[in-house]
Amino acid sequence: MSVQITTAFVEQYKSNVFHLAQQKGSRLRDAVRSETVTGKSHFFERIGSVAAEKRTSRHSDTPRMDTPHSRRKVTMDDYDWADLIDQEDKVRMLISPQSEYAMAGAWAMGRAMDDAIIAAATGTSFGGVSGGTSVALPSTQKIVHGSAGLTLAKLIEAKEKLDANDVDPDEARYMIVTSKQMSNLLNLEKVTSSDYASIKALVQGQIDTYLGFKFLRTERIAASGGDNLALAFTQSAIGLALGRDIQTKISERDDKNYATQVFLSMTIGATRVEDEKVVEIACNV
C-alpha cells in the first residue's frame, strides 16, 4: 500500500480524499498531431514543396517533377503507474479511494505525455530512410533571451518566423508558456488593454489568444542554462504516436494479501515533424 495513506484514516475525521495541487492530466495532447500506431517505432511521412515548370513551346514533353519525400522517426516508450489499497485501509477509511487513485494515475500519465511532447519539440529528431540521421532544431528557429522575459517583441518575432516559412495561416497555432511568462505578458498594456486584446485577460487574469496564438500554460518546461523556454508551434509540427492509449485496470492481488491494485499503462512516442513550424523562445527566469 502507499505509505502516505495513513493521512486519510478515520481519526483525521476526513470524509473525502483531497488531491494536492498538481497539473490534472495532459494540456498539450489536443495541440499536436496524433496517430494510432502498431510496433516499436513509427514514421511520420513528409512531402516537400515543388516548383511548376514553365512551358516554352507547343506540344512539348510532359515534365516529370520529383516530389521530395522525407520522414521523421519516433520510438515508442512504455509508461506504467500502480498503487495498492489493502483491505484494512478500506475498513479504517470512510471511503474507498479506488477512483481517486485511478484519477491520480491518469493525471500522472497525462503529465508524462506532456513531457514527451515538450522534449520532442526542442530535442533531437531522427530523419532519413531508417531514422538514423539526427536533426537538431535549427538556430534560425530560436529566439535568444536578450536579458528579458517574454515580451511582445518576441511574440511578434515568433509569428514572423512562422509566416516567413509560409506556414499555413489557417492552421492552429499554440504558445506554451509558464506562469512567469504569463505574468510578463499581463504586465504589458498592449496585451491586456481591451483596445488590443480580449477583455478576458483583465477579468480572469488569463490570455487566451493573441497574435494568432492560443496560449497554454504549463510549468513542465524545465529551465535551461538560467533561461526558461516558451514554445510556439502549429498543430502539425509535433507528432504524438499512440501505440496504446491510457488503460486502467483495478484488480485484486492474491500475492499481496488480496489488496486492490490500481494499475495504469500507456505506450506513446513523440517527435518534431517539421522544424519550420516550431519556434523556441528563451526567456530570463
Protein backbone atom coordinates (compact mmCIF):
# COMPACT_ATOMS: atom_id res chain seq x y z
CA MET A 1 0.00 0.00 0.00
CA SER A 2 1.02 3.62 -0.29
CA VAL A 3 2.97 4.65 2.79
CA GLN A 4 1.14 8.00 2.72
CA ILE A 5 -2.35 6.52 3.04
CA THR A 6 -2.45 6.80 6.83
CA THR A 7 -3.01 10.55 6.50
CA ALA A 8 -6.56 9.75 5.38
CA PHE A 9 -7.51 7.44 8.25
CA VAL A 10 -10.75 7.92 10.17
CA GLU A 11 -9.11 9.51 13.19
CA GLN A 12 -8.48 12.54 10.98
CA TYR A 13 -12.27 12.76 10.50
CA LYS A 14 -11.99 13.10 6.76
CA SER A 15 -14.93 12.04 4.64
CA ASN A 16 -13.25 12.86 1.33
CA VAL A 17 -9.87 12.37 -0.29
CA PHE A 18 -8.35 15.67 -1.38
CA HIS A 19 -5.82 15.89 -4.22
CA LEU A 20 -2.90 18.24 -3.68
CA ALA A 21 -2.10 20.93 -6.26
CA GLN A 22 -0.96 19.36 -9.50
CA GLN A 23 -1.47 19.50 -13.25
CA LYS A 24 -4.55 17.40 -13.92
CA GLY A 25 -3.59 15.37 -16.97
CA SER A 26 -2.32 16.49 -20.35
CA ARG A 27 -2.72 20.07 -21.54
CA LEU A 28 -0.89 19.60 -24.83
CA ARG A 29 -2.36 16.41 -26.31
CA ASP A 30 -5.01 18.20 -28.33
CA ALA A 31 -2.47 20.77 -29.56
CA VAL A 32 -0.40 18.27 -31.56
CA ARG A 33 -0.91 15.81 -34.39
CA SER A 34 -1.64 12.29 -33.10
CA GLU A 35 -1.65 8.94 -34.87
CA THR A 36 -2.51 5.46 -33.64
CA VAL A 37 0.36 3.11 -34.47
CA THR A 38 1.43 -0.51 -34.11
CA GLY A 39 5.01 -1.54 -33.42
CA LYS A 40 8.04 -0.34 -31.52
CA SER A 41 8.68 2.59 -33.85
CA HIS A 42 6.74 4.72 -36.30
CA PHE A 43 7.48 7.14 -39.14
CA PHE A 44 5.71 10.41 -39.80
CA GLU A 45 5.90 10.85 -43.58
CA ARG A 46 6.59 14.30 -45.04
CA ILE A 47 6.13 15.71 -48.55
CA GLY A 48 8.11 18.78 -49.56
CA SER A 49 7.28 21.59 -51.98
CA VAL A 50 7.89 21.54 -55.75
CA ALA A 51 8.05 24.26 -58.40
CA ALA A 52 5.95 24.45 -61.55
CA GLU A 53 7.81 24.40 -64.86
CA LYS A 54 7.03 26.97 -67.50
CA ARG A 55 6.04 25.55 -70.91
CA THR A 56 8.19 27.12 -73.62
CA SER A 57 6.81 25.50 -76.79
CA ARG A 58 3.75 23.79 -78.20
CA HIS A 59 3.49 20.01 -77.93
CA SER A 60 6.45 19.85 -75.57
CA ASP A 61 7.14 16.79 -73.46
CA THR A 62 5.29 16.46 -70.20
CA PRO A 63 7.69 17.36 -67.42
CA ARG A 64 8.28 15.00 -64.53
CA MET A 65 8.53 16.53 -61.11
CA ASP A 66 10.37 14.63 -58.41
CA THR A 67 8.29 15.39 -55.35
CA PRO A 68 10.61 15.28 -52.31
CA HIS A 69 9.70 12.76 -49.64
CA SER A 70 11.22 12.57 -46.15
CA ARG A 71 10.27 11.15 -42.81
CA ARG A 72 10.74 11.51 -39.06
CA LYS A 73 11.08 8.50 -36.79
CA VAL A 74 9.51 8.15 -33.38
CA THR A 75 10.35 5.39 -30.91
CA MET A 76 7.62 4.13 -28.62
CA ASP A 77 8.08 4.10 -24.84
CA ASP A 78 6.03 2.24 -22.23
CA TYR A 79 4.73 4.00 -19.12
CA ASP A 80 3.28 2.34 -16.00
CA TRP A 81 1.67 3.55 -12.78
CA ALA A 82 0.32 1.44 -9.93
CA ASP A 83 -0.56 1.57 -6.24
CA LEU A 84 -2.13 -0.82 -3.73
CA ILE A 85 -5.06 -0.46 -1.35
CA ASP A 86 -5.07 -3.02 1.48
CA GLN A 87 -8.33 -4.46 2.74
CA GLU A 88 -7.56 -2.91 6.14
CA ASP A 89 -7.34 0.52 4.53
CA LYS A 90 -10.95 0.25 3.38
CA VAL A 91 -12.01 -0.55 6.95
CA ARG A 92 -10.09 2.35 8.51
CA MET A 93 -11.17 4.90 5.92
CA LEU A 94 -14.63 6.36 5.48
CA ILE A 95 -14.48 5.88 1.72
CA SER A 96 -12.76 3.60 -0.76
CA PRO A 97 -10.03 5.56 -2.57
CA GLN A 98 -10.03 3.38 -5.70
CA SER A 99 -11.48 6.02 -8.01
CA GLU A 100 -9.23 8.72 -6.54
CA TYR A 101 -6.17 6.56 -7.11
CA ALA A 102 -7.25 5.91 -10.68
CA MET A 103 -7.70 9.64 -11.19
CA ALA A 104 -4.27 10.40 -9.73
CA GLY A 105 -2.72 7.79 -12.03
CA ALA A 106 -4.48 9.20 -15.09
CA TRP A 107 -3.24 12.69 -14.27
CA ALA A 108 0.29 11.34 -13.90
CA MET A 109 0.04 9.68 -17.31
CA GLY A 110 -1.18 12.91 -18.87
CA ARG A 111 1.77 14.82 -17.42
CA ALA A 112 4.15 12.20 -18.80
CA MET A 113 2.54 12.71 -22.21
CA ASP A 114 3.17 16.46 -21.99
CA ASP A 115 6.79 15.84 -21.00
CA ALA A 116 7.26 13.69 -24.11
CA ILE A 117 5.71 16.38 -26.34
CA ILE A 118 7.87 19.17 -24.89
CA ALA A 119 11.04 17.07 -25.18
CA ALA A 120 10.20 16.31 -28.81
CA ALA A 121 9.61 19.97 -29.66
CA THR A 122 13.06 21.11 -28.55
CA GLY A 123 15.12 17.92 -28.68
CA THR A 124 16.81 15.89 -31.39
CA SER A 125 14.61 14.43 -34.11
CA PHE A 126 15.59 11.49 -36.29
CA GLY A 127 15.21 11.57 -40.05
CA GLY A 128 16.40 9.60 -43.05
CA VAL A 129 15.03 6.41 -44.59
CA SER A 130 15.67 4.37 -41.46
CA GLY A 131 15.55 7.24 -38.97
CA GLY A 132 19.29 7.21 -38.35
CA THR A 133 20.00 10.88 -39.05
CA SER A 134 19.98 13.22 -36.06
CA VAL A 135 18.24 16.54 -36.66
CA ALA A 136 18.55 19.40 -34.16
CA LEU A 137 16.19 22.36 -34.09
CA PRO A 138 17.89 24.95 -36.37
CA SER A 139 19.25 28.10 -34.77
CA THR A 140 17.03 30.08 -37.15
CA GLN A 141 14.05 28.72 -35.21
CA LYS A 142 15.33 30.03 -31.90
CA ILE A 143 14.86 33.44 -30.27
CA VAL A 144 17.53 34.49 -27.74
CA HIS A 145 16.53 35.73 -24.30
CA GLY A 146 18.02 39.22 -24.76
CA SER A 147 18.14 39.66 -20.96
CA ALA A 148 14.35 39.82 -20.86
CA GLY A 149 11.34 37.66 -20.13
CA LEU A 150 8.58 37.01 -22.63
CA THR A 151 7.99 40.29 -24.46
CA LEU A 152 5.68 41.49 -27.17
CA ALA A 153 8.70 41.79 -29.49
CA LYS A 154 9.45 38.09 -29.01
CA LEU A 155 5.86 37.13 -29.77
CA ILE A 156 5.96 39.18 -32.95
CA GLU A 157 9.29 37.63 -33.94
CA ALA A 158 7.91 34.13 -33.38
CA LYS A 159 4.94 34.95 -35.60
CA GLU A 160 7.29 36.39 -38.21
CA LYS A 161 9.37 33.19 -38.27
CA LEU A 162 6.31 31.03 -38.86
CA ASP A 163 4.97 33.39 -41.51
CA ALA A 164 8.35 33.59 -43.24
CA ASN A 165 8.34 29.79 -43.50
CA ASP A 166 4.97 30.01 -45.29
CA VAL A 167 3.24 28.09 -42.52
CA ASP A 168 -0.45 27.75 -43.36
CA PRO A 169 -2.16 30.70 -41.63
CA ASP A 170 -5.33 28.62 -41.23
CA GLU A 171 -3.55 26.00 -39.12
CA ALA A 172 -3.98 26.26 -35.36
CA ARG A 173 -1.01 27.93 -33.64
CA TYR A 174 -0.10 27.44 -30.00
CA MET A 175 2.14 29.19 -27.50
CA ILE A 176 3.28 27.23 -24.42
CA VAL A 177 4.28 29.47 -21.52
CA THR A 178 4.93 29.23 -17.79
CA SER A 179 3.15 31.26 -15.14
CA LYS A 180 6.15 33.61 -15.01
CA GLN A 181 5.94 34.31 -18.74
CA MET A 182 2.19 34.76 -18.49
CA SER A 183 2.85 37.42 -15.84
CA ASN A 184 5.33 39.10 -18.20
CA LEU A 185 2.56 39.47 -20.77
CA LEU A 186 -0.12 40.54 -18.31
CA ASN A 187 2.15 43.43 -17.36
CA LEU A 188 2.16 44.68 -20.96
CA GLU A 189 -0.53 47.27 -21.62
CA LYS A 190 -0.89 46.37 -25.29
CA VAL A 191 -1.62 42.76 -24.38
CA THR A 192 -4.13 43.42 -21.61
CA SER A 193 -5.79 46.56 -22.94
CA SER A 194 -9.27 45.99 -24.31
CA ASP A 195 -8.22 48.14 -27.27
CA TYR A 196 -5.74 45.43 -28.30
CA ALA A 197 -6.84 42.11 -26.84
CA SER A 198 -9.68 40.09 -25.38
CA ILE A 199 -11.13 41.52 -22.17
CA LYS A 200 -10.67 38.01 -20.69
CA ALA A 201 -7.09 38.94 -19.82
CA LEU A 202 -8.35 41.63 -17.45
CA VAL A 203 -11.31 39.76 -15.96
CA GLN A 204 -9.74 36.35 -15.36
CA GLY A 205 -6.03 37.12 -15.41
CA GLN A 206 -5.61 34.87 -18.43
CA ILE A 207 -4.54 35.34 -22.03
CA ASP A 208 -6.45 33.00 -24.30
CA THR A 209 -5.47 34.07 -27.81
CA TYR A 210 -3.11 36.78 -29.00
CA LEU A 211 -1.35 37.40 -32.34
CA GLY A 212 -2.99 34.24 -33.64
CA PHE A 213 -1.54 32.03 -30.88
CA LYS A 214 -3.67 30.11 -28.43
CA PHE A 215 -1.87 30.22 -25.09
CA LEU A 216 -1.43 27.09 -22.99
CA ARG A 217 0.17 27.37 -19.56
CA THR A 218 2.40 24.63 -18.18
CA GLU A 219 5.10 24.55 -15.54
CA ARG A 220 6.73 21.49 -17.10
CA ILE A 221 9.17 23.34 -19.37
CA ALA A 222 12.44 22.94 -17.49
CA ALA A 223 14.76 25.92 -17.19
CA SER A 224 17.99 25.52 -19.16
CA GLY A 225 21.17 27.50 -18.52
CA GLY A 226 19.37 30.09 -16.43
CA ASP A 227 16.64 30.55 -19.03
CA ASN A 228 13.05 29.45 -19.21
CA LEU A 229 11.61 28.45 -22.56
CA ALA A 230 8.40 29.35 -24.29
CA LEU A 231 7.39 27.37 -27.36
CA ALA A 232 5.45 28.47 -30.42
CA PHE A 233 4.27 25.78 -32.82
CA THR A 234 1.45 24.65 -35.08
CA GLN A 235 -0.66 21.56 -34.60
CA SER A 236 1.11 19.55 -37.30
CA ALA A 237 4.60 20.49 -36.09
CA ILE A 238 4.80 17.77 -33.43
CA GLY A 239 3.67 14.19 -33.86
CA LEU A 240 2.31 12.10 -31.00
CA ALA A 241 2.29 8.36 -31.73
CA LEU A 242 -0.20 6.36 -29.66
CA GLY A 243 0.75 2.71 -29.52
CA ARG A 244 -1.65 2.15 -26.65
CA ASP A 245 -3.70 4.88 -25.07
CA ILE A 246 -4.08 5.15 -21.30
CA GLN A 247 -5.56 1.94 -19.92
CA THR A 248 -6.75 1.39 -16.36
CA LYS A 249 -7.15 -1.91 -14.52
CA ILE A 250 -8.37 -2.39 -10.96
CA SER A 251 -7.93 -5.92 -9.64
CA GLU A 252 -7.10 -7.96 -6.57
CA ARG A 253 -3.53 -9.13 -5.95
CA ASP A 254 -3.52 -12.53 -4.29
CA ASP A 255 0.25 -12.19 -3.79
CA LYS A 256 -0.36 -9.04 -1.72
CA ASN A 257 -2.98 -10.44 0.70
CA TYR A 258 -5.68 -9.68 -1.84
CA ALA A 259 -5.01 -5.96 -1.78
CA THR A 260 -6.67 -3.98 -4.54
CA GLN A 261 -4.24 -2.76 -7.18
CA VAL A 262 -4.95 0.29 -9.33
CA PHE A 263 -2.82 -0.03 -12.46
CA LEU A 264 -2.45 2.30 -15.47
CA SER A 265 -0.27 1.97 -18.52
CA MET A 266 0.28 3.51 -21.94
CA THR A 267 2.67 3.29 -24.88
CA ILE A 268 3.49 6.55 -26.65
CA GLY A 269 6.21 8.40 -28.51
CA ALA A 270 6.64 11.93 -29.82
CA THR A 271 8.80 13.69 -32.37
CA ARG A 272 9.20 17.06 -34.06
CA VAL A 273 7.80 16.51 -37.55
CA GLU A 274 8.60 19.92 -39.10
CA ASP A 275 11.34 22.19 -37.81
CA GLU A 276 9.92 25.18 -39.68
CA LYS A 277 6.75 25.05 -37.58
CA VAL A 278 8.44 25.24 -34.17
CA VAL A 279 9.96 28.32 -32.54
CA GLU A 280 11.90 28.14 -29.28
CA ILE A 281 11.81 31.36 -27.26
CA ALA A 282 14.40 31.84 -24.49
CA CYS A 283 13.28 33.97 -21.54
CA ASN A 284 15.07 35.16 -18.44
CA VAL A 285 13.88 33.36 -15.32
